[in-house]
């Protein structure tokens, strides 16, 4: 179930990339995706939560890098919430 949720969130984020195509956004998205993949692969709930929080922070920071234009539309990708 957890992997399904993460997959759906990932698909949603990929759809949003069309609106955010700066180099900084792409780099942040790759970093966040890697962390989310690690989170999905772990069996440790605390580690999963930590990795997802870090991924969220990276995505949020990237949203702020463009002057906040995408910050309000940045989804909360944490399946733990």
Foldseek 3Di string as FASTA:
>chain_A
DLVVLLVVVLVVVVVVVVVPPDPLQVVLQVQLVVLQVVLVPDPDVVSNQVSLVVSLVSNLVSCVVVVNPCNVVRDSSRPVD
